[in-house]
């Protein structure tokens, strides 16, 4: 079964120890839930993700930081039931600025969900990490990019990818994108 995007949304937070966002419609049991967090300030990165359904959220790899207090993270969970769901991202203190995006996909496995992950940092207008080769066809490849330079760079999709969501972080000059 191929992956299908069901829904996604975003929330711009800031100055608080949590950023909270509800899915626009009910999530479906056994679907893949994803949450990205981009935070800036002395209290980043995020310390964890919870939701109103009590699902178990797992961080993919470690937070990617730029050394200037900016961090990007990706978390996932499998929806344990069908119904309304609100996601809360918690920071160790009052993060200066934060943005979260939440996504729901169908067509996923319900065990051994994560095949591979990779990270990279850089200062180009075309961010990239080392390549990965999924173990099988029809895998979802999900990427998080953050422009923390404050130069207003537009985030565009890589070849054969589609931008799922973009959001401002703190100001009109910092952006997070997922593809």
Foldseek 3Di string as FASTA:
>chain_A
DFKDWDFKDKFKDFQWQKTKDKTPWKAAAFWKKKKKKKFADPFDDWPDKAKPQGWDKDWDDDWDDDVRRITMTMIMTGHHHTDIMMMMTGTPGGTGIMMMMMTIMPPADSPPGDQDDFDDDDDDLADDTDDDDGPDPNRDDKDKDKDPVLQQRDRDDDPPDHWDDKDAIPDNRIMMTMD
